[in-house]
């Protein structure tokens, strides 16, 4: 369904909501629906991309105060017209439909200045303009969905690993909440710093909790070398600790085989041209993740790093209780 056709529908019904709902209700419903139909979770479903784009377009309209007001006015007008139309008896309805059809075929007898636009045309033009410029709120919601999917898939693979915590390090450094540079560290320079010790499977950087990251190597020996040697930048040193605090460093040589790697995840972010929808193409062989620095705190279950660590601890506890 293209954008114009989508605008003819009740966008609130797409989220199972009513026009009286709040913006937070819309965002919550979007995340719930988008998580189910996201292309990363449905690679074999050709309709997943279509539905995800429809949800994102609807969200784009309904979270913008000006666009939503105009859309609500159009929706109310359509609903009122439908009620009036349904109230007509079948004969009058037939005459009315025939008249409208003739006007469409031969041109309306009501002249209209070509430079003027209907309210609906203006709304569509504004939506298209917003799409080209980029909607900050929409990008933030898409980022939240992407990070939650990444966390779920990352945690799911931890159940399949053989003592995967032996390859994972917690990395911390000093960073103020107002520091946009996050203390001088990000996923790219962390990868450069630690890749000299061995291949890295995953890097998770949290900007919601400043100065914190999760790092996973392919082998335990690489993780041990990094733990023992790496100090980071001199003006802002790194503090390293194990995800599993009971790691036996002496057994690193005998446990240096490769870990089962996390499946690389698509970087479902924003295209290089500022478009609003993901390219659905992986941009790196090393899965990395971070929160948008402008996103609001939200609920606890939206804390990506906390979710990853909680899932990993749960998986490790299950393994220990089974032995």
Foldseek 3Di string as FASTA:
>chain_A
DDPLVLLVDDLQVLLPHDLVDDLVSLLVSLLVVLLVLPCLVVVPDPCSVVSNVSSLLSNLQCNDVVSVVLSVVVVVVVVVVVVVLVPDPPVVNVVVVVVVVVCVVPPHPDDDDPVDDDSSVVSVVVSVVCQQQADPVSQQSVQLSVLLSVLVLLLVCLLVKDPQLLFKKKKFKDADLPDPCLQVDDPVVVCVQLCVLHAWQEKEDESVPGGIIMTGHQFNSSSLCCQPDAFPDPVMTMHMATLDNPHDSVCRVVGGHTIDGRDATAPFHADPSNGSGGPRHRPDNHYYGYHDSPDDPDDPSSRSVVSNSVSNVVSVVVVVVVD
